[in-house]
Amino acid sequence: MQVVESGGGLVQPGGSLRLSCAASGFTASDNLIQWFRQVPGNERLPVVGLDSMNSMLHYKGFTGGRFTVSRDNAKNTVYLQMNNLTPENTAVYYCRAHIRETIIWGKGTLVTVSS
């Protein structure tokens, strides 16, 4: 079982990015999938999550309506859509799957917001 993030990169302030979390070895829609962010030297914080009922969960790192999470069951992938990005959103973004008693982390994808 694994999750693999993609979609990070360099974007200008005000721009958008969509991050992907591709799951394999398990069904994403049956489990809680969460997005975390981490700035070097700081703790890793949860941003948003999507549970098996397709409910969006907001956490401490949530930045309001600019971030949304969705899922494509056919692709077994969860997305994090980030709009109107600011330099403060610069971080490594991680996907985490909570499968019963098992926690699986991806390796992260770097998002850099800079002009």
C-alpha atoms as a PDB file:
ATOM      1  CA  MET A   1       0.000   0.000   0.000  1.00  0.00           C
ATOM      2  CA  GLN A   2       1.259   3.469  -0.835  1.00  0.00           C
ATOM      3  CA  VAL A   3       0.318   7.019  -1.680  1.00  0.00           C
ATOM      4  CA  VAL A   4       2.257   9.194  -4.100  1.00  0.00           C
ATOM      5  CA  GLU A   5       1.907  12.959  -4.299  1.00  0.00           C
ATOM      6  CA  SER A   6       2.444  15.014  -7.416  1.00  0.00           C
ATOM      7  CA  GLY A   7       1.579  18.405  -8.821  1.00  0.00           C
ATOM      8  CA  GLY A   8       3.815  20.664  -6.791  1.00  0.00           C
ATOM      9  CA  GLY A   9       5.988  23.336  -8.314  1.00  0.00           C
ATOM     10  CA  LEU A  10       6.662  27.029  -8.566  1.00  0.00           C
ATOM     11  CA  VAL A  11       3.667  29.323  -8.868  1.00  0.00           C
ATOM     12  CA  GLN A  12       3.268  33.067  -8.663  1.00  0.00           C
ATOM     13  CA  PRO A  13       1.245  34.692  -5.895  1.00  0.00           C
ATOM     14  CA  GLY A  14      -2.422  34.583  -6.772  1.00  0.00           C
ATOM     15  CA  GLY A  15      -1.969  31.455  -8.841  1.00  0.00           C
ATOM     16  CA  SER A  16      -3.408  27.974  -8.415  1.00  0.00           C
ATOM     17  CA  LEU A  17      -2.136  24.445  -8.173  1.00  0.00           C
ATOM     18  CA  ARG A  18      -3.793  21.089  -7.959  1.00  0.00           C
ATOM     19  CA  LEU A  19      -1.957  18.435  -6.007  1.00  0.00           C
ATOM     20  CA  SER A  20      -2.670  14.750  -6.540  1.00  0.00           C
ATOM     21  CA  CYS A  21      -2.450  11.879  -4.102  1.00  0.00           C
ATOM     22  CA  ALA A  22      -2.524   8.610  -6.022  1.00  0.00           C
ATOM     23  CA  ALA A  23      -3.334   5.594  -3.866  1.00  0.00           C
ATOM     24  CA  SER A  24      -2.348   2.032  -4.630  1.00  0.00           C
ATOM     25  CA  GLY A  25      -2.915  -1.200  -2.795  1.00  0.00           C
ATOM     26  CA  PHE A  26      -6.083   0.060  -1.131  1.00  0.00           C
ATOM     27  CA  THR A  27      -9.237   1.953  -2.025  1.00  0.00           C
ATOM     28  CA  ALA A  28      -8.953   5.642  -1.246  1.00  0.00           C
ATOM     29  CA  SER A  29     -12.712   6.141  -1.073  1.00  0.00           C
ATOM     30  CA  ASP A  30     -12.989   3.622   1.790  1.00  0.00           C
ATOM     31  CA  ASN A  31     -10.544   5.481   4.004  1.00  0.00           C
ATOM     32  CA  LEU A  32      -9.601   8.848   5.446  1.00  0.00           C
ATOM     33  CA  ILE A  33      -7.137  10.717   3.248  1.00  0.00           C
ATOM     34  CA  GLN A  34      -5.530  13.848   4.638  1.00  0.00           C
ATOM     35  CA  TRP A  35      -3.274  16.578   3.343  1.00  0.00           C
ATOM     36  CA  PHE A  36      -0.542  18.018   5.554  1.00  0.00           C
ATOM     37  CA  ARG A  37       1.910  20.824   5.044  1.00  0.00           C
ATOM     38  CA  GLN A  38       5.362  21.341   6.468  1.00  0.00           C
ATOM     39  CA  VAL A  39       7.705  24.294   6.332  1.00  0.00           C
ATOM     40  CA  PRO A  40      11.356  23.341   7.005  1.00  0.00           C
ATOM     41  CA  GLY A  41      12.067  23.629  10.701  1.00  0.00           C
ATOM     42  CA  ASN A  42       8.398  23.568  11.627  1.00  0.00           C
ATOM     43  CA  GLU A  43       6.015  20.811  12.550  1.00  0.00           C
ATOM     44  CA  ARG A  44       3.908  19.015   9.987  1.00  0.00           C
ATOM     45  CA  LEU A  45       0.338  20.298  10.210  1.00  0.00           C
ATOM     46  CA  PRO A  46      -2.888  18.863   8.811  1.00  0.00           C
ATOM     47  CA  VAL A  47      -4.679  21.055   6.298  1.00  0.00           C
ATOM     48  CA  VAL A  48      -7.730  19.227   5.019  1.00  0.00           C
ATOM     49  CA  GLY A  49      -9.051  15.701   4.842  1.00  0.00           C
ATOM     50  CA  LEU A  50     -11.643  13.707   2.970  1.00  0.00           C
ATOM     51  CA  ASP A  51     -13.326  10.839   4.720  1.00  0.00           C
ATOM     52  CA  SER A  52     -15.082   7.762   3.399  1.00  0.00           C
ATOM     53  CA  MET A  53     -18.404   9.632   3.478  1.00  0.00           C
ATOM     54  CA  ASN A  54     -16.906  12.211   1.118  1.00  0.00           C
ATOM     55  CA  SER A  55     -17.010  14.821   3.878  1.00  0.00           C
ATOM     56  CA  MET A  56     -14.314  17.484   3.874  1.00  0.00           C
ATOM     57  CA  LEU A  57     -12.534  17.915   7.183  1.00  0.00           C
ATOM     58  CA  HIS A  58     -10.792  21.158   8.129  1.00  0.00           C
ATOM     59  CA  TYR A  59      -7.774  21.324  10.404  1.00  0.00           C
ATOM     60  CA  LYS A  60      -5.525  23.910  11.996  1.00  0.00           C
ATOM     61  CA  GLY A  61      -3.562  24.490   8.801  1.00  0.00           C
ATOM     62  CA  PHE A  62      -6.693  25.130   6.773  1.00  0.00           C
ATOM     63  CA  THR A  63      -6.641  28.422   4.958  1.00  0.00           C
ATOM     64  CA  GLY A  64     -10.283  28.990   4.303  1.00  0.00           C
ATOM     65  CA  GLY A  65     -12.203  28.580   1.104  1.00  0.00           C
ATOM     66  CA  ARG A  66      -9.109  28.806  -1.066  1.00  0.00           C
ATOM     67  CA  PHE A  67      -8.401  25.092  -0.560  1.00  0.00           C
ATOM     68  CA  THR A  68     -10.723  22.281  -1.538  1.00  0.00           C
ATOM     69  CA  VAL A  69     -10.297  18.527  -1.586  1.00  0.00           C
ATOM     70  CA  SER A  70     -11.913  16.077  -3.969  1.00  0.00           C
ATOM     71  CA  ARG A  71     -11.622  12.505  -5.102  1.00  0.00           C
ATOM     72  CA  ASP A  72     -11.711  10.603  -8.376  1.00  0.00           C
ATOM     73  CA  ASN A  73     -12.724   7.068  -7.499  1.00  0.00           C
ATOM     74  CA  ALA A  74     -11.959   5.746 -10.967  1.00  0.00           C
ATOM     75  CA  LYS A  75      -8.365   6.923 -10.600  1.00  0.00           C
ATOM     76  CA  ASN A  76      -8.178   6.100  -6.887  1.00  0.00           C
ATOM     77  CA  THR A  77      -6.787   9.595  -6.405  1.00  0.00           C
ATOM     78  CA  VAL A  78      -7.477  12.456  -4.016  1.00  0.00           C
ATOM     79  CA  TYR A  79      -6.820  16.035  -5.072  1.00  0.00           C
ATOM     80  CA  LEU A  80      -6.018  19.228  -3.219  1.00  0.00           C
ATOM     81  CA  GLN A  81      -7.021  22.283  -5.212  1.00  0.00           C
ATOM     82  CA  MET A  82      -5.268  25.404  -3.977  1.00  0.00           C
ATOM     83  CA  ASN A  83      -6.337  28.797  -5.289  1.00  0.00           C
ATOM     84  CA  ASN A  84      -5.153  32.346  -4.765  1.00  0.00           C
ATOM     85  CA  LEU A  85      -1.872  31.132  -3.334  1.00  0.00           C
ATOM     86  CA  THR A  86       0.343  33.367  -1.226  1.00  0.00           C
ATOM     87  CA  PRO A  87       4.024  33.014  -0.268  1.00  0.00           C
ATOM     88  CA  GLU A  88       2.829  31.786   3.135  1.00  0.00           C
ATOM     89  CA  ASN A  89       1.514  28.664   1.405  1.00  0.00           C
ATOM     90  CA  THR A  90       5.050  27.656   0.461  1.00  0.00           C
ATOM     91  CA  ALA A  91       5.695  24.241   2.004  1.00  0.00           C
ATOM     92  CA  VAL A  92       6.068  20.571   1.319  1.00  0.00           C
ATOM     93  CA  TYR A  93       2.624  19.031   1.068  1.00  0.00           C
ATOM     94  CA  TYR A  94       2.117  15.463   2.180  1.00  0.00           C
ATOM     95  CA  CYS A  95      -0.692  13.018   1.668  1.00  0.00           C
ATOM     96  CA  ARG A  96      -1.554  10.624   4.477  1.00  0.00           C
ATOM     97  CA  ALA A  97      -3.884   7.643   4.368  1.00  0.00           C
ATOM     98  CA  HIS A  98      -5.461   6.304   7.545  1.00  0.00           C
ATOM     99  CA  ILE A  99      -6.397   2.692   6.823  1.00  0.00           C
ATOM    100  CA  ARG A 100      -7.855   1.138   9.951  1.00  0.00           C
ATOM    101  CA  GLU A 101      -4.812   0.941  12.293  1.00  0.00           C
ATOM    102  CA  THR A 102      -2.318   1.698   9.539  1.00  0.00           C
ATOM    103  CA  ILE A 103      -0.972   5.132   8.649  1.00  0.00           C
ATOM    104  CA  ILE A 104       0.717   5.619   5.296  1.00  0.00           C
ATOM    105  CA  TRP A 105       2.602   8.763   4.306  1.00  0.00           C
ATOM    106  CA  GLY A 106       3.697   9.893   0.903  1.00  0.00           C
ATOM    107  CA  LYS A 107       7.064  11.498   0.306  1.00  0.00           C
ATOM    108  CA  GLY A 108       5.600  14.924  -0.282  1.00  0.00           C
ATOM    109  CA  THR A 109       5.562  17.455  -3.063  1.00  0.00           C
ATOM    110  CA  LEU A 110       7.078  20.917  -2.813  1.00  0.00           C
ATOM    111  CA  VAL A 111       4.951  23.977  -3.456  1.00  0.00           C
ATOM    112  CA  THR A 112       6.778  27.269  -3.833  1.00  0.00           C
ATOM    113  CA  VAL A 113       4.822  30.488  -4.165  1.00  0.00           C
ATOM    114  CA  SER A 114       7.045  33.283  -5.337  1.00  0.00           C
ATOM    115  CA  SER A 115       7.228  36.029  -7.895  1.00  0.00           C
END
